[in-house]
């Protein structure tokens, strides 16, 4: 029987971490056999002119601010020109 995973957030959604509160974009998501869903989120803010590495949060710690603020790539895999945030 195939396992169906339902994610709380979609890739490209703008979410806010509730502890502390700051807006980030969902850039990746992972589901575990235990039923947990974790989301890789990245800030729109640059640090020293560079993007910060994504951080991982449990879905229970995030709330949607705006759905689909960034479009998902069509081909997948590495992109030579990633979209700017």
N, C-alpha and C. Protein backbone atom coordinates (compact mmCIF):
# COMPACT_ATOMS: atom_id res chain seq x y z
N UNK A 1 0.85 -1.18 0.00
CA UNK A 1 0.00 0.00 0.00
C UNK A 1 0.90 1.24 0.00
N UNK A 2 0.72 2.15 -0.96
CA UNK A 2 1.55 3.35 -1.02
C UNK A 2 1.23 4.30 0.13
N UNK A 3 2.27 4.94 0.61
CA UNK A 3 2.13 5.92 1.68
C UNK A 3 1.86 7.29 1.08
N UNK A 4 0.78 7.94 1.48
CA UNK A 4 0.45 9.26 0.98
C UNK A 4 0.80 10.29 2.05
N UNK A 5 1.59 11.26 1.67
CA UNK A 5 2.02 12.30 2.60
C UNK A 5 1.27 13.58 2.29
N UNK A 6 0.72 14.20 3.31
CA UNK A 6 0.07 15.49 3.15
C UNK A 6 0.90 16.52 3.90
N UNK A 7 1.46 17.46 3.14
CA UNK A 7 2.27 18.51 3.74
C UNK A 7 1.36 19.68 4.14
N UNK A 8 1.67 20.30 5.25
CA UNK A 8 0.92 21.45 5.75
C UNK A 8 1.21 22.69 4.92
N UNK A 9 2.43 22.82 4.38
CA UNK A 9 2.85 23.98 3.63
C UNK A 9 3.34 23.56 2.26
N UNK A 10 3.16 24.42 1.28
CA UNK A 10 3.63 24.18 -0.08
C UNK A 10 4.96 24.87 -0.29
N UNK A 11 5.76 24.33 -1.22
CA UNK A 11 7.01 24.99 -1.57
C UNK A 11 6.68 26.36 -2.13
N UNK A 12 7.42 27.37 -1.72
CA UNK A 12 7.18 28.74 -2.17
C UNK A 12 6.29 29.54 -1.24
N UNK A 13 5.64 28.88 -0.26
CA UNK A 13 4.82 29.63 0.69
C UNK A 13 5.72 30.48 1.58
N UNK A 14 5.24 31.66 1.92
CA UNK A 14 5.94 32.47 2.92
C UNK A 14 5.33 32.12 4.26
N UNK A 15 6.19 31.74 5.19
CA UNK A 15 5.73 31.34 6.52
C UNK A 15 6.48 32.15 7.57
N UNK A 16 6.01 32.09 8.78
CA UNK A 16 6.69 32.78 9.87
C UNK A 16 6.97 31.76 10.97
N UNK A 17 8.18 31.81 11.49
CA UNK A 17 8.56 30.98 12.62
C UNK A 17 7.94 31.62 13.85
N UNK A 18 7.20 30.87 14.62
CA UNK A 18 6.50 31.45 15.78
C UNK A 18 7.41 31.66 16.98
N UNK A 19 8.64 31.11 16.94
CA UNK A 19 9.57 31.27 18.06
C UNK A 19 10.97 31.49 17.50
N UNK A 20 11.57 32.60 17.32
CA UNK A 20 11.00 33.94 17.30
C UNK A 20 10.30 34.19 15.97
N UNK A 21 9.58 35.27 15.87
CA UNK A 21 8.81 35.57 14.67
C UNK A 21 9.67 36.29 13.64
N UNK A 22 9.90 35.64 12.49
CA UNK A 22 10.52 36.30 11.34
C UNK A 22 10.10 35.55 10.08
N UNK A 23 9.79 36.29 9.00
CA UNK A 23 9.28 35.64 7.78
C UNK A 23 10.38 34.93 7.00
N UNK A 24 10.05 33.75 6.50
CA UNK A 24 10.96 32.93 5.71
C UNK A 24 10.16 32.25 4.59
N UNK A 25 10.85 31.67 3.60
CA UNK A 25 10.21 30.98 2.49
C UNK A 25 10.50 29.49 2.60
N UNK A 26 9.49 28.66 2.38
CA UNK A 26 9.68 27.20 2.37
C UNK A 26 10.40 26.82 1.08
N UNK A 27 11.62 26.26 1.21
CA UNK A 27 12.40 25.86 0.05
C UNK A 27 12.56 24.35 -0.06
N UNK A 28 12.23 23.61 1.01
CA UNK A 28 12.31 22.15 0.97
C UNK A 28 11.45 21.59 2.10
N UNK A 29 11.12 20.31 1.99
CA UNK A 29 10.32 19.68 3.03
C UNK A 29 10.65 18.19 3.07
N UNK A 30 10.56 17.62 4.26
CA UNK A 30 10.90 16.22 4.47
C UNK A 30 9.87 15.59 5.37
N UNK A 31 9.44 14.38 5.00
CA UNK A 31 8.54 13.65 5.89
C UNK A 31 9.28 12.42 6.40
N UNK A 32 8.97 12.03 7.62
CA UNK A 32 9.63 10.91 8.27
C UNK A 32 8.63 9.80 8.54
N UNK A 33 9.11 8.59 8.69
CA UNK A 33 8.25 7.45 9.00
C UNK A 33 7.50 7.64 10.31
N UNK A 34 8.02 8.47 11.18
CA UNK A 34 7.38 8.72 12.46
C UNK A 34 6.16 9.64 12.34
N UNK A 35 5.95 10.21 11.14
CA UNK A 35 4.82 11.11 10.93
C UNK A 35 5.17 12.58 11.02
N UNK A 36 6.41 12.90 11.37
CA UNK A 36 6.84 14.30 11.45
C UNK A 36 7.09 14.86 10.06
N UNK A 37 6.78 16.11 9.86
CA UNK A 37 7.12 16.82 8.63
C UNK A 37 7.97 18.03 9.02
N UNK A 38 9.17 18.09 8.47
CA UNK A 38 10.05 19.23 8.72
C UNK A 38 10.19 20.02 7.44
N UNK A 39 10.37 21.33 7.59
CA UNK A 39 10.43 22.24 6.46
C UNK A 39 11.75 23.00 6.47
N UNK A 40 12.42 23.01 5.33
CA UNK A 40 13.62 23.82 5.15
C UNK A 40 13.17 25.21 4.72
N UNK A 41 13.54 26.21 5.49
CA UNK A 41 13.10 27.58 5.21
C UNK A 41 14.31 28.48 5.05
N UNK A 42 14.16 29.50 4.20
CA UNK A 42 15.26 30.41 3.92
C UNK A 42 14.77 31.84 3.99
N UNK A 43 15.55 32.69 4.60
CA UNK A 43 15.21 34.10 4.73
C UNK A 43 15.40 34.82 3.41
N UNK A 44 14.59 35.84 3.18
CA UNK A 44 14.77 36.71 2.00
C UNK A 44 15.93 37.69 2.23
N UNK A 45 16.31 37.87 3.47
CA UNK A 45 17.35 38.82 3.83
C UNK A 45 18.73 38.26 3.51
N UNK A 46 19.59 39.08 2.95
CA UNK A 46 20.97 38.68 2.66
C UNK A 46 21.87 39.02 3.83
N UNK A 47 22.91 38.23 4.01
CA UNK A 47 23.91 38.50 5.04
C UNK A 47 25.25 38.65 4.33
N UNK A 48 25.85 39.80 4.44
CA UNK A 48 27.10 40.12 3.74
C UNK A 48 26.94 39.93 2.24
N UNK A 49 25.75 40.27 1.71
CA UNK A 49 25.49 40.18 0.28
C UNK A 49 25.21 38.78 -0.24
N UNK A 50 25.08 37.79 0.64
CA UNK A 50 24.84 36.41 0.23
C UNK A 50 23.60 35.86 0.94
N UNK A 51 22.96 34.90 0.28
CA UNK A 51 21.83 34.23 0.92
C UNK A 51 22.30 33.40 2.09
N UNK A 52 21.48 33.35 3.12
CA UNK A 52 21.77 32.51 4.27
C UNK A 52 21.36 31.07 3.96
N UNK A 53 22.02 30.11 4.58
CA UNK A 53 21.66 28.71 4.41
C UNK A 53 20.27 28.45 4.98
N UNK A 54 19.53 27.51 4.38
CA UNK A 54 18.21 27.17 4.93
C UNK A 54 18.34 26.58 6.34
N UNK A 55 17.31 26.79 7.13
CA UNK A 55 17.21 26.20 8.46
C UNK A 55 16.00 25.28 8.46
N UNK A 56 15.99 24.28 9.33
CA UNK A 56 14.91 23.29 9.38
C UNK A 56 14.06 23.49 10.62
N UNK A 57 12.72 23.45 10.42
CA UNK A 57 11.77 23.61 11.51
C UNK A 57 10.68 22.56 11.40
N UNK A 58 10.14 22.16 12.54
CA UNK A 58 8.97 21.29 12.56
C UNK A 58 7.76 22.09 12.11
N UNK A 59 6.85 21.45 11.38
CA UNK A 59 5.67 22.14 10.86
C UNK A 59 4.81 22.79 11.93
N UNK A 60 4.82 22.24 13.15
CA UNK A 60 4.01 22.82 14.22
C UNK A 60 4.52 24.17 14.68
N UNK A 61 5.71 24.52 14.27
CA UNK A 61 6.35 25.77 14.69
C UNK A 61 6.19 26.88 13.65
N UNK A 62 5.49 26.59 12.53
CA UNK A 62 5.36 27.56 11.44
C UNK A 62 3.91 27.91 11.18
N UNK A 63 3.68 29.13 10.70
CA UNK A 63 2.35 29.59 10.28
C UNK A 63 2.48 30.26 8.92
N UNK A 64 1.47 30.08 8.05
CA UNK A 64 1.50 30.70 6.72
C UNK A 64 1.24 32.19 6.82
N UNK A 65 2.06 32.97 6.12
CA UNK A 65 1.87 34.41 5.99
C UNK A 65 1.24 34.71 4.63
N UNK A 66 1.79 34.08 3.58
CA UNK A 66 1.29 34.25 2.21
C UNK A 66 1.57 32.98 1.43
N UNK A 67 0.56 32.47 0.73
CA UNK A 67 0.74 31.24 -0.03
C UNK A 67 1.37 31.52 -1.38
N UNK A 68 2.28 30.64 -1.79
CA UNK A 68 2.86 30.67 -3.13
C UNK A 68 3.52 31.96 -3.53
N UNK A 69 4.32 32.55 -2.65
CA UNK A 69 4.98 33.82 -3.00
C UNK A 69 6.10 33.63 -4.01
N UNK A 70 6.61 32.41 -4.14
CA UNK A 70 7.63 32.09 -5.14
C UNK A 70 7.16 30.89 -5.94
N UNK A 71 7.39 30.93 -7.25
CA UNK A 71 7.00 29.81 -8.11
C UNK A 71 8.04 28.70 -8.04
N UNK A 72 7.57 27.48 -8.07
CA UNK A 72 8.45 26.32 -8.06
C UNK A 72 9.02 26.11 -9.44
N UNK A 73 10.30 25.71 -9.52
CA UNK A 73 10.93 25.42 -10.80
C UNK A 73 10.24 24.27 -11.51
N UNK A 74 10.27 24.27 -12.84
CA UNK A 74 9.58 23.26 -13.63
C UNK A 74 10.41 22.00 -13.84
N UNK A 75 11.72 22.10 -13.87
CA UNK A 75 12.55 20.96 -14.24
C UNK A 75 13.17 20.25 -13.06
N UNK A 76 13.24 20.86 -11.92
CA UNK A 76 13.87 20.24 -10.77
C UNK A 76 15.39 20.22 -10.91
N UNK A 77 16.07 19.81 -9.87
CA UNK A 77 17.53 19.72 -9.89
C UNK A 77 18.17 21.09 -9.83
N UNK A 78 19.49 21.12 -9.87
CA UNK A 78 20.21 22.39 -9.79
C UNK A 78 19.84 23.32 -10.95
N UNK A 79 19.79 24.58 -10.65
CA UNK A 79 19.46 25.56 -11.67
C UNK A 79 20.64 26.51 -11.84
N UNK A 80 21.07 26.77 -13.07
CA UNK A 80 22.20 27.69 -13.27
C UNK A 80 21.86 29.11 -12.87
N UNK A 81 20.57 29.48 -12.91
CA UNK A 81 20.14 30.82 -12.54
C UNK A 81 18.98 30.73 -11.57
N UNK A 82 19.24 30.44 -10.29
CA UNK A 82 18.16 30.32 -9.33
C UNK A 82 17.40 31.64 -9.21
N UNK A 83 16.08 31.57 -8.96
CA UNK A 83 15.31 32.81 -8.85
C UNK A 83 15.76 33.63 -7.65
N UNK A 84 15.77 34.94 -7.80
CA UNK A 84 16.13 35.80 -6.68
C UNK A 84 14.90 36.02 -5.83
N UNK A 85 15.11 36.18 -4.54
CA UNK A 85 13.98 36.37 -3.63
C UNK A 85 13.77 37.81 -3.40
